[in-house]
């Protein structure tokens, strides 16, 4: 799965950036969002299946057509309210990440 490898590399880069740029007051965080219906999403193999199943497993539910929860989290991270936050991966996915893999 190429997506997993790319995400792992991005997470490592964010941790290094947090360490190296923190002393200059620069914060580095990631937002791990649930699926959002965009033009780019159409290029992800299996996106439609993922988008259909996600709301069923996310405890808070998930609307693939509403990016506002993701946007709100990004606004928080850009604000002074998050001045003590760096090197984090914030999941904005309706709780899907906490559910683990579905049982076969």
PDB file of N, CA and C in Angstrom:
ATOM      1  N   UNK A   1       0.850  -1.180   0.000  1.00  0.00           N
ATOM      2  CA  UNK A   1       0.000   0.000   0.000  1.00  0.00           C
ATOM      3  C   UNK A   1       0.890   1.235   0.000  1.00  0.00           C
ATOM      4  N   UNK A   2       0.972   1.912  -1.119  1.00  0.00           N
ATOM      5  CA  UNK A   2       1.847   3.079  -1.244  1.00  0.00           C
ATOM      6  C   UNK A   2       1.403   4.235  -0.357  1.00  0.00           C
ATOM      7  N   UNK A   3       0.126   4.325  -0.072  1.00  0.00           N
ATOM      8  CA  UNK A   3      -0.367   5.426   0.746  1.00  0.00           C
ATOM      9  C   UNK A   3       0.187   5.332   2.171  1.00  0.00           C
ATOM     10  N   UNK A   4       0.259   4.122   2.710  1.00  0.00           N
ATOM     11  CA  UNK A   4       0.789   3.933   4.058  1.00  0.00           C
ATOM     12  C   UNK A   4       2.247   4.340   4.162  1.00  0.00           C
ATOM     13  N   UNK A   5       3.028   4.005   3.160  1.00  0.00           N
ATOM     14  CA  UNK A   5       4.444   4.364   3.147  1.00  0.00           C
ATOM     15  C   UNK A   5       4.598   5.884   3.073  1.00  0.00           C
ATOM     16  N   UNK A   6       3.820   6.515   2.229  1.00  0.00           N
ATOM     17  CA  UNK A   6       3.888   7.975   2.091  1.00  0.00           C
ATOM     18  C   UNK A   6       3.484   8.666   3.393  1.00  0.00           C
ATOM     19  N   UNK A   7       2.438   8.164   4.052  1.00  0.00           N
ATOM     20  CA  UNK A   7       1.993   8.759   5.313  1.00  0.00           C
ATOM     21  C   UNK A   7       3.043   8.597   6.398  1.00  0.00           C
ATOM     22  N   UNK A   8       3.682   7.438   6.469  1.00  0.00           N
ATOM     23  CA  UNK A   8       4.718   7.209   7.479  1.00  0.00           C
ATOM     24  C   UNK A   8       5.887   8.169   7.281  1.00  0.00           C
ATOM     25  N   UNK A   9       6.266   8.393   6.035  1.00  0.00           N
ATOM     26  CA  UNK A   9       7.358   9.327   5.750  1.00  0.00           C
ATOM     27  C   UNK A   9       6.972  10.747   6.155  1.00  0.00           C
ATOM     28  N   UNK A  10       5.752  11.156   5.846  1.00  0.00           N
ATOM     29  CA  UNK A  10       5.286  12.491   6.206  1.00  0.00           C
ATOM     30  C   UNK A  10       5.265  12.673   7.724  1.00  0.00           C
ATOM     31  N   UNK A  11       4.827  11.652   8.450  1.00  0.00           N
ATOM     32  CA  UNK A  11       4.799  11.724   9.909  1.00  0.00           C
ATOM     33  C   UNK A  11       6.203  11.876  10.479  1.00  0.00           C
ATOM     34  N   UNK A  12       7.170  11.163   9.913  1.00  0.00           N
ATOM     35  CA  UNK A  12       8.556  11.278  10.371  1.00  0.00           C
ATOM     36  C   UNK A  12       9.099  12.680  10.098  1.00  0.00           C
ATOM     37  N   UNK A  13       8.824  13.211   8.924  1.00  0.00           N
ATOM     38  CA  UNK A  13       9.281  14.563   8.584  1.00  0.00           C
ATOM     39  C   UNK A  13       8.692  15.580   9.561  1.00  0.00           C
ATOM     40  N   UNK A  14       7.421  15.437   9.899  1.00  0.00           N
ATOM     41  CA  UNK A  14       6.775  16.375  10.822  1.00  0.00           C
ATOM     42  C   UNK A  14       7.438  16.338  12.196  1.00  0.00           C
ATOM     43  N   UNK A  15       7.810  15.157  12.664  1.00  0.00           N
ATOM     44  CA  UNK A  15       8.484  15.063  13.965  1.00  0.00           C
ATOM     45  C   UNK A  15       9.849  15.749  13.924  1.00  0.00           C
ATOM     46  N   UNK A  16      10.594  15.537  12.842  1.00  0.00           N
ATOM     47  CA  UNK A  16      11.890  16.208  12.707  1.00  0.00           C
ATOM     48  C   UNK A  16      11.716  17.725  12.631  1.00  0.00           C
ATOM     49  N   UNK A  17      10.721  18.177  11.882  1.00  0.00           N
ATOM     50  CA  UNK A  17      10.470  19.613  11.796  1.00  0.00           C
ATOM     51  C   UNK A  17      10.117  20.191  13.161  1.00  0.00           C
ATOM     52  N   UNK A  18       9.296  19.481  13.928  1.00  0.00           N
ATOM     53  CA  UNK A  18       8.924  19.944  15.265  1.00  0.00           C
ATOM     54  C   UNK A  18      10.170  20.087  16.136  1.00  0.00           C
ATOM     55  N   UNK A  19      11.049  19.113  16.060  1.00  0.00           N
ATOM     56  CA  UNK A  19      12.278  19.141  16.862  1.00  0.00           C
ATOM     57  C   UNK A  19      13.210  20.261  16.408  1.00  0.00           C
ATOM     58  N   UNK A  20      13.423  20.348  15.113  1.00  0.00           N
ATOM     59  CA  UNK A  20      14.421  21.280  14.591  1.00  0.00           C
ATOM     60  C   UNK A  20      13.949  22.733  14.542  1.00  0.00           C
ATOM     61  N   UNK A  21      12.665  22.949  14.335  1.00  0.00           N
ATOM     62  CA  UNK A  21      12.153  24.311  14.202  1.00  0.00           C
ATOM     63  C   UNK A  21      11.503  24.847  15.473  1.00  0.00           C
ATOM     64  N   UNK A  22      11.223  23.966  16.417  1.00  0.00           N
ATOM     65  CA  UNK A  22      10.617  24.391  17.674  1.00  0.00           C
ATOM     66  C   UNK A  22      11.380  25.499  18.378  1.00  0.00           C
ATOM     67  N   UNK A  23      12.710  25.399  18.473  1.00  0.00           N
ATOM     68  CA  UNK A  23      13.460  26.466  19.143  1.00  0.00           C
ATOM     69  C   UNK A  23      13.298  27.841  18.487  1.00  0.00           C
ATOM     70  N   UNK A  24      12.847  27.880  17.250  1.00  0.00           N
ATOM     71  CA  UNK A  24      12.600  29.147  16.554  1.00  0.00           C
ATOM     72  C   UNK A  24      11.134  29.576  16.669  1.00  0.00           C
ATOM     73  N   UNK A  25      10.364  28.811  17.428  1.00  0.00           N
ATOM     74  CA  UNK A  25       8.955  29.144  17.607  1.00  0.00           C
ATOM     75  C   UNK A  25       8.047  28.639  16.505  1.00  0.00           C
ATOM     76  N   UNK A  26       8.574  27.746  15.671  1.00  0.00           N
ATOM     77  CA  UNK A  26       7.775  27.196  14.573  1.00  0.00           C
ATOM     78  C   UNK A  26       7.199  25.857  15.010  1.00  0.00           C
ATOM     79  N   UNK A  27       5.898  25.695  14.841  1.00  0.00           N
ATOM     80  CA  UNK A  27       5.231  24.441  15.192  1.00  0.00           C
ATOM     81  C   UNK A  27       4.977  23.619  13.941  1.00  0.00           C
ATOM     82  N   UNK A  28       5.041  22.294  14.092  1.00  0.00           N
ATOM     83  CA  UNK A  28       4.782  21.380  12.968  1.00  0.00           C
ATOM     84  C   UNK A  28       3.828  20.297  13.439  1.00  0.00           C
ATOM     85  N   UNK A  29       2.644  20.281  12.890  1.00  0.00           N
ATOM     86  CA  UNK A  29       1.624  19.301  13.250  1.00  0.00           C
ATOM     87  C   UNK A  29       0.974  18.766  11.986  1.00  0.00           C
ATOM     88  N   UNK A  30       0.335  17.619  12.120  1.00  0.00           N
ATOM     89  CA  UNK A  30      -0.385  17.013  11.004  1.00  0.00           C
ATOM     90  C   UNK A  30      -1.846  16.825  11.383  1.00  0.00           C
ATOM     91  N   UNK A  31      -2.709  16.910  10.398  1.00  0.00           N
ATOM     92  CA  UNK A  31      -4.117  16.582  10.574  1.00  0.00           C
ATOM     93  C   UNK A  31      -4.391  15.345   9.732  1.00  0.00           C
ATOM     94  N   UNK A  32      -4.820  14.288  10.402  1.00  0.00           N
ATOM     95  CA  UNK A  32      -5.181  13.051   9.713  1.00  0.00           C
ATOM     96  C   UNK A  32      -6.699  13.041   9.583  1.00  0.00           C
ATOM     97  N   UNK A  33      -7.162  13.432   8.422  1.00  0.00           N
ATOM     98  CA  UNK A  33      -8.599  13.611   8.207  1.00  0.00           C
ATOM     99  C   UNK A  33      -9.248  12.352   7.655  1.00  0.00           C
ATOM    100  N   UNK A  34     -10.508  12.200   7.965  1.00  0.00           N
ATOM    101  CA  UNK A  34     -11.304  11.160   7.332  1.00  0.00           C
ATOM    102  C   UNK A  34     -11.515  11.528   5.872  1.00  0.00           C
ATOM    103  N   UNK A  35     -12.129  10.646   5.117  1.00  0.00           N
ATOM    104  CA  UNK A  35     -12.312  10.907   3.689  1.00  0.00           C
ATOM    105  C   UNK A  35     -13.233  12.101   3.437  1.00  0.00           C
ATOM    106  N   UNK A  36     -12.775  12.967   2.540  1.00  0.00           N
ATOM    107  CA  UNK A  36     -13.556  14.130   2.123  1.00  0.00           C
ATOM    108  C   UNK A  36     -13.695  14.050   0.606  1.00  0.00           C
ATOM    109  N   UNK A  37     -14.903  14.198   0.130  1.00  0.00           N
ATOM    110  CA  UNK A  37     -15.179  14.131  -1.309  1.00  0.00           C
ATOM    111  C   UNK A  37     -14.617  15.376  -1.993  1.00  0.00           C
ATOM    112  N   UNK A  38     -13.535  15.189  -2.725  1.00  0.00           N
ATOM    113  CA  UNK A  38     -12.906  16.271  -3.488  1.00  0.00           C
ATOM    114  C   UNK A  38     -12.571  15.745  -4.876  1.00  0.00           C
ATOM    115  N   UNK A  39     -12.146  16.637  -5.750  1.00  0.00           N
ATOM    116  CA  UNK A  39     -11.729  16.207  -7.090  1.00  0.00           C
ATOM    117  C   UNK A  39     -10.536  15.258  -6.987  1.00  0.00           C
ATOM    118  N   UNK A  40      -9.608  15.550  -6.078  1.00  0.00           N
ATOM    119  CA  UNK A  40      -8.420  14.706  -5.920  1.00  0.00           C
ATOM    120  C   UNK A  40      -8.772  13.323  -5.376  1.00  0.00           C
ATOM    121  N   UNK A  41      -9.810  13.235  -4.564  1.00  0.00           N
ATOM    122  CA  UNK A  41     -10.191  11.948  -3.975  1.00  0.00           C
ATOM    123  C   UNK A  41     -10.562  10.932  -5.040  1.00  0.00           C
ATOM    124  N   UNK A  42     -11.046  11.404  -6.171  1.00  0.00           N
ATOM    125  CA  UNK A  42     -11.407  10.503  -7.263  1.00  0.00           C
ATOM    126  C   UNK A  42     -10.231   9.711  -7.795  1.00  0.00           C
ATOM    127  N   UNK A  43      -9.020  10.189  -7.557  1.00  0.00           N
ATOM    128  CA  UNK A  43      -7.831   9.488  -8.024  1.00  0.00           C
ATOM    129  C   UNK A  43      -7.321   8.429  -7.070  1.00  0.00           C
ATOM    130  N   UNK A  44      -7.945   8.290  -5.920  1.00  0.00           N
ATOM    131  CA  UNK A  44      -7.515   7.299  -4.932  1.00  0.00           C
ATOM    132  C   UNK A  44      -8.281   6.007  -5.170  1.00  0.00           C
ATOM    133  N   UNK A  45      -7.564   4.923  -5.491  1.00  0.00           N
ATOM    134  CA  UNK A  45      -8.249   3.647  -5.726  1.00  0.00           C
ATOM    135  C   UNK A  45      -9.058   3.222  -4.493  1.00  0.00           C
ATOM    136  N   UNK A  46     -10.307   2.862  -4.701  1.00  0.00           N
ATOM    137  CA  UNK A  46     -11.164   2.388  -3.616  1.00  0.00           C
ATOM    138  C   UNK A  46     -11.757   3.482  -2.751  1.00  0.00           C
ATOM    139  N   UNK A  47     -11.614   4.740  -3.164  1.00  0.00           N
ATOM    140  CA  UNK A  47     -12.113   5.838  -2.333  1.00  0.00           C
ATOM    141  C   UNK A  47     -13.606   5.731  -2.074  1.00  0.00           C
ATOM    142  N   UNK A  48     -14.385   5.424  -3.081  1.00  0.00           N
ATOM    143  CA  UNK A  48     -15.840   5.375  -2.908  1.00  0.00           C
ATOM    144  C   UNK A  48     -16.247   4.320  -1.885  1.00  0.00           C
ATOM    145  N   UNK A  49     -15.574   3.178  -1.895  1.00  0.00           N
ATOM    146  CA  UNK A  49     -15.861   2.131  -0.906  1.00  0.00           C
ATOM    147  C   UNK A  49     -15.507   2.621   0.489  1.00  0.00           C
ATOM    148  N   UNK A  50     -14.335   3.229   0.616  1.00  0.00           N
ATOM    149  CA  UNK A  50     -13.896   3.773   1.898  1.00  0.00           C
ATOM    150  C   UNK A  50     -14.883   4.817   2.402  1.00  0.00           C
ATOM    151  N   UNK A  51     -15.280   5.727   1.543  1.00  0.00           N
ATOM    152  CA  UNK A  51     -16.200   6.795   1.927  1.00  0.00           C
ATOM    153  C   UNK A  51     -17.562   6.249   2.349  1.00  0.00           C
ATOM    154  N   UNK A  52     -17.997   5.168   1.742  1.00  0.00           N
ATOM    155  CA  UNK A  52     -19.290   4.573   2.094  1.00  0.00           C
ATOM    156  C   UNK A  52     -19.233   3.849   3.434  1.00  0.00           C
ATOM    157  N   UNK A  53     -18.106   3.230   3.748  1.00  0.00           N
ATOM    158  CA  UNK A  53     -17.979   2.448   4.978  1.00  0.00           C
ATOM    159  C   UNK A  53     -17.605   3.298   6.189  1.00  0.00           C
ATOM    160  N   UNK A  54     -16.893   4.386   5.976  1.00  0.00           N
ATOM    161  CA  UNK A  54     -16.367   5.203   7.071  1.00  0.00           C
ATOM    162  C   UNK A  54     -17.441   5.623   8.075  1.00  0.00           C
ATOM    163  N   UNK A  55     -18.560   6.202   7.633  1.00  0.00           N
ATOM    164  CA  UNK A  55     -19.572   6.648   8.597  1.00  0.00           C
ATOM    165  C   UNK A  55     -20.148   5.511   9.444  1.00  0.00           C
ATOM    166  N   UNK A  56     -20.114   4.305   8.941  1.00  0.00           N
ATOM    167  CA  UNK A  56     -20.656   3.159   9.677  1.00  0.00           C
ATOM    168  C   UNK A  56     -19.761   2.771  10.848  1.00  0.00           C
ATOM    169  N   UNK A  57     -18.460   3.026  10.745  1.00  0.00           N
ATOM    170  CA  UNK A  57     -17.511   2.620  11.785  1.00  0.00           C
ATOM    171  C   UNK A  57     -17.063   3.767  12.684  1.00  0.00           C
ATOM    172  N   UNK A  58     -17.294   4.989  12.280  1.00  0.00           N
ATOM    173  CA  UNK A  58     -16.864   6.147  13.069  1.00  0.00           C
ATOM    174  C   UNK A  58     -17.893   6.428  14.160  1.00  0.00           C
ATOM    175  N   UNK A  59     -17.502   6.357  15.435  1.00  0.00           N
ATOM    176  CA  UNK A  59     -18.461   6.557  16.522  1.00  0.00           C
ATOM    177  C   UNK A  59     -19.209   7.893  16.459  1.00  0.00           C
ATOM    178  N   UNK A  60     -18.551   8.928  15.968  1.00  0.00           N
ATOM    179  CA  UNK A  60     -19.211  10.230  15.858  1.00  0.00           C
ATOM    180  C   UNK A  60     -19.875  10.433  14.510  1.00  0.00           C
ATOM    181  N   UNK A  61     -19.805   9.412  13.661  1.00  0.00           N
ATOM    182  CA  UNK A  61     -20.322   9.545  12.308  1.00  0.00           C
ATOM    183  C   UNK A  61     -19.343  10.333  11.455  1.00  0.00           C
ATOM    184  N   UNK A  62     -19.628  10.426  10.172  1.00  0.00           N
ATOM    185  CA  UNK A  62     -18.747  11.165   9.265  1.00  0.00           C
ATOM    186  C   UNK A  62     -19.517  11.537   8.016  1.00  0.00           C
ATOM    187  N   UNK A  63     -19.385  12.795   7.615  1.00  0.00           N
ATOM    188  CA  UNK A  63     -20.016  13.280   6.394  1.00  0.00           C
ATOM    189  C   UNK A  63     -18.911  13.604   5.398  1.00  0.00           C
ATOM    190  N   UNK A  64     -18.779  12.787   4.369  1.00  0.00           N
ATOM    191  CA  UNK A  64     -17.696  12.962   3.396  1.00  0.00           C
ATOM    192  C   UNK A  64     -17.839  14.245   2.581  1.00  0.00           C
ATOM    193  N   UNK A  65     -18.984  14.896   2.681  1.00  0.00           N
ATOM    194  CA  UNK A  65     -19.212  16.137   1.937  1.00  0.00           C
ATOM    195  C   UNK A  65     -19.053  17.390   2.791  1.00  0.00           C
ATOM    196  N   UNK A  66     -18.651  17.231   4.053  1.00  0.00           N
ATOM    197  CA  UNK A  66     -18.535  18.373   4.961  1.00  0.00           C
ATOM    198  C   UNK A  66     -17.116  18.481   5.519  1.00  0.00           C
ATOM    199  N   UNK A  67     -16.308  19.362   4.962  1.00  0.00           N
ATOM    200  CA  UNK A  67     -14.934  19.506   5.440  1.00  0.00           C
ATOM    201  C   UNK A  67     -14.792  20.435   6.650  1.00  0.00           C
ATOM    202  N   UNK A  68     -15.893  20.906   7.229  1.00  0.00           N
ATOM    203  CA  UNK A  68     -15.809  21.932   8.275  1.00  0.00           C
ATOM    204  C   UNK A  68     -15.092  21.464   9.541  1.00  0.00           C
ATOM    205  N   UNK A  69     -15.230  20.203   9.935  1.00  0.00           N
ATOM    206  CA  UNK A  69     -14.532  19.757  11.147  1.00  0.00           C
ATOM    207  C   UNK A  69     -13.023  19.732  10.928  1.00  0.00           C
ATOM    208  N   UNK A  70     -12.612  19.384   9.728  1.00  0.00           N
ATOM    209  CA  UNK A  70     -11.185  19.394   9.397  1.00  0.00           C
ATOM    210  C   UNK A  70     -10.690  20.840   9.350  1.00  0.00           C
ATOM    211  N   UNK A  71     -11.441  21.705   8.699  1.00  0.00           N
ATOM    212  CA  UNK A  71     -11.054  23.116   8.601  1.00  0.00           C
ATOM    213  C   UNK A  71     -10.970  23.759   9.982  1.00  0.00           C
ATOM    214  N   UNK A  72     -11.902  23.434  10.861  1.00  0.00           N
ATOM    215  CA  UNK A  72     -11.880  23.980  12.217  1.00  0.00           C
ATOM    216  C   UNK A  72     -10.646  23.554  12.989  1.00  0.00           C
ATOM    217  N   UNK A  73     -10.232  22.322  12.795  1.00  0.00           N
ATOM    218  CA  UNK A  73      -9.028  21.831  13.465  1.00  0.00           C
ATOM    219  C   UNK A  73      -7.795  22.555  12.947  1.00  0.00           C
ATOM    220  N   UNK A  74      -7.731  22.765  11.645  1.00  0.00           N
ATOM    221  CA  UNK A  74      -6.607  23.501  11.062  1.00  0.00           C
ATOM    222  C   UNK A  74      -6.585  24.936  11.602  1.00  0.00           C
ATOM    223  N   UNK A  75      -7.742  25.561  11.715  1.00  0.00           N
ATOM    224  CA  UNK A  75      -7.805  26.920  12.275  1.00  0.00           C
ATOM    225  C   UNK A  75      -7.290  26.936  13.712  1.00  0.00           C
ATOM    226  N   UNK A  76      -7.667  25.934  14.491  1.00  0.00           N
ATOM    227  CA  UNK A  76      -7.157  25.817  15.862  1.00  0.00           C
ATOM    228  C   UNK A  76      -5.636  25.721  15.860  1.00  0.00           C
ATOM    229  N   UNK A  77      -5.092  24.859  15.011  1.00  0.00           N
ATOM    230  CA  UNK A  77      -3.644  24.673  14.980  1.00  0.00           C
ATOM    231  C   UNK A  77      -2.912  25.938  14.544  1.00  0.00           C
ATOM    232  N   UNK A  78      -3.561  26.765  13.757  1.00  0.00           N
ATOM    233  CA  UNK A  78      -2.943  28.014  13.305  1.00  0.00           C
ATOM    234  C   UNK A  78      -3.088  29.135  14.333  1.00  0.00           C
ATOM    235  N   UNK A  79      -3.904  28.915  15.348  1.00  0.00           N
ATOM    236  CA  UNK A  79      -4.173  29.961  16.333  1.00  0.00           C
ATOM    237  C   UNK A  79      -3.220  29.874  17.524  1.00  0.00           C
ATOM    238  N   UNK A  80      -3.227  30.927  18.330  1.00  0.00           N
ATOM    239  CA  UNK A  80      -2.422  30.937  19.552  1.00  0.00           C
ATOM    240  C   UNK A  80      -2.923  29.931  20.579  1.00  0.00           C
ATOM    241  N   UNK A  81      -4.157  29.476  20.434  1.00  0.00           N
ATOM    242  CA  UNK A  81      -4.696  28.490  21.377  1.00  0.00           C
ATOM    243  C   UNK A  81      -3.896  27.193  21.354  1.00  0.00           C
ATOM    244  N   UNK A  82      -3.198  26.936  20.259  1.00  0.00           N
ATOM    245  CA  UNK A  82      -2.409  25.700  20.156  1.00  0.00           C
ATOM    246  C   UNK A  82      -0.910  25.968  20.268  1.00  0.00           C
ATOM    247  N   UNK A  83      -0.533  27.079  20.885  1.00  0.00           N
ATOM    248  CA  UNK A  83       0.880  27.456  20.922  1.00  0.00           C
ATOM    249  C   UNK A  83       1.775  26.434  21.620  1.00  0.00           C
ATOM    250  N   UNK A  84       1.221  25.549  22.409  1.00  0.00           N
ATOM    251  CA  UNK A  84       2.014  24.517  23.076  1.00  0.00           C
ATOM    252  C   UNK A  84       1.958  23.175  22.370  1.00  0.00           C
ATOM    253  N   UNK A  85       1.436  23.149  21.163  1.00  0.00           N
ATOM    254  CA  UNK A  85       1.251  21.889  20.438  1.00  0.00           C
ATOM    255  C   UNK A  85       2.211  21.828  19.257  1.00  0.00           C
ATOM    256  N   UNK A  86       3.040  20.790  19.221  1.00  0.00           N
ATOM    257  CA  UNK A  86       3.902  20.561  18.066  1.00  0.00           C
ATOM    258  C   UNK A  86       4.259  19.084  17.999  1.00  0.00           C
ATOM    259  N   UNK A  87       4.536  18.619  16.809  1.00  0.00           N
ATOM    260  CA  UNK A  87       4.909  17.220  16.617  1.00  0.00           C
ATOM    261  C   UNK A  87       3.746  16.253  16.752  1.00  0.00           C
ATOM    262  N   UNK A  88       2.531  16.746  16.623  1.00  0.00           N
ATOM    263  CA  UNK A  88       1.348  15.915  16.833  1.00  0.00           C
ATOM    264  C   UNK A  88       0.669  15.533  15.524  1.00  0.00           C
ATOM    265  N   UNK A  89      -0.024  14.409  15.591  1.00  0.00           N
ATOM    266  CA  UNK A  89      -0.922  13.983  14.521  1.00  0.00           C
ATOM    267  C   UNK A  89      -2.321  14.028  15.125  1.00  0.00           C
ATOM    268  N   UNK A  90      -3.138  14.934  14.660  1.00  0.00           N
ATOM    269  CA  UNK A  90      -4.492  15.072  15.193  1.00  0.00           C
ATOM    270  C   UNK A  90      -5.455  14.401  14.225  1.00  0.00           C
ATOM    271  N   UNK A  91      -6.144  13.391  14.727  1.00  0.00           N
ATOM    272  CA  UNK A  91      -7.110  12.656  13.910  1.00  0.00           C
ATOM    273  C   UNK A  91      -8.450  13.381  13.932  1.00  0.00           C
ATOM    274  N   UNK A  92      -8.923  13.740  12.778  1.00  0.00           N
ATOM    275  CA  UNK A  92     -10.245  14.354  12.624  1.00  0.00           C
ATOM    276  C   UNK A  92     -10.997  13.435  11.678  1.00  0.00           C
ATOM    277  N   UNK A  93     -11.567  12.392  12.264  1.00  0.00           N
ATOM    278  CA  UNK A  93     -12.142  11.316  11.449  1.00  0.00           C
ATOM    279  C   UNK A  93     -13.381  10.694  12.067  1.00  0.00           C
ATOM    280  N   UNK A  94     -13.993  11.407  12.991  1.00  0.00           N
ATOM    281  CA  UNK A  94     -15.183  10.885  13.645  1.00  0.00           C
ATOM    282  C   UNK A  94     -14.891   9.757  14.624  1.00  0.00           C
ATOM    283  N   UNK A  95     -13.618   9.546  14.950  1.00  0.00           N
ATOM    284  CA  UNK A  95     -13.232   8.471  15.866  1.00  0.00           C
ATOM    285  C   UNK A  95     -12.897   7.162  15.183  1.00  0.00           C
ATOM    286  N   UNK A  96     -12.922   7.158  13.870  1.00  0.00           N
ATOM    287  CA  UNK A  96     -12.664   5.932  13.101  1.00  0.00           C
ATOM    288  C   UNK A  96     -11.333   5.298  13.479  1.00  0.00           C
ATOM    289  N   UNK A  97     -10.292   6.122  13.640  1.00  0.00           N
ATOM    290  CA  UNK A  97      -8.949   5.594  13.924  1.00  0.00           C
ATOM    291  C   UNK A  97      -8.899   4.800  15.226  1.00  0.00           C
ATOM    292  N   UNK A  98      -9.775   5.094  16.153  1.00  0.00           N
ATOM    293  CA  UNK A  98      -9.763   4.433  17.455  1.00  0.00           C
ATOM    294  C   UNK A  98     -10.457   3.072  17.446  1.00  0.00           C
ATOM    295  N   UNK A  99     -11.126   2.737  16.360  1.00  0.00           N
ATOM    296  CA  UNK A  99     -11.922   1.513  16.310  1.00  0.00           C
ATOM    297  C   UNK A  99     -11.121   0.276  15.925  1.00  0.00           C
ATOM    298  N   UNK A 100      -9.938   0.444  15.380  1.00  0.00           N
ATOM    299  CA  UNK A 100      -9.158  -0.715  14.954  1.00  0.00           C
ATOM    300  C   UNK A 100      -9.730  -1.334  13.688  1.00  0.00           C
ATOM    301  N   UNK A 101      -9.059  -2.364  13.250  1.00  0.00           N
ATOM    302  CA  UNK A 101      -9.475  -3.039  12.015  1.00  0.00           C
ATOM    303  C   UNK A 101     -10.772  -3.809  12.242  1.00  0.00           C
ATOM    304  N   UNK A 102     -11.635  -3.842  11.245  1.00  0.00           N
ATOM    305  CA  UNK A 102     -12.876  -4.613  11.386  1.00  0.00           C
ATOM    306  C   UNK A 102     -12.571  -6.107  11.477  1.00  0.00           C
ATOM    307  N   UNK A 103     -13.373  -6.800  12.233  1.00  0.00           N
ATOM    308  CA  UNK A 103     -13.211  -8.250  12.348  1.00  0.00           C
ATOM    309  C   UNK A 103     -13.678  -8.918  11.062  1.00  0.00           C
ATOM    310  N   UNK A 104     -12.940  -9.912  10.653  1.00  0.00           N
ATOM    311  CA  UNK A 104     -13.287 -10.618   9.405  1.00  0.00           C
ATOM    312  C   UNK A 104     -14.484 -11.517   9.593  1.00  0.00           C
TER     313      UNK A 104
END
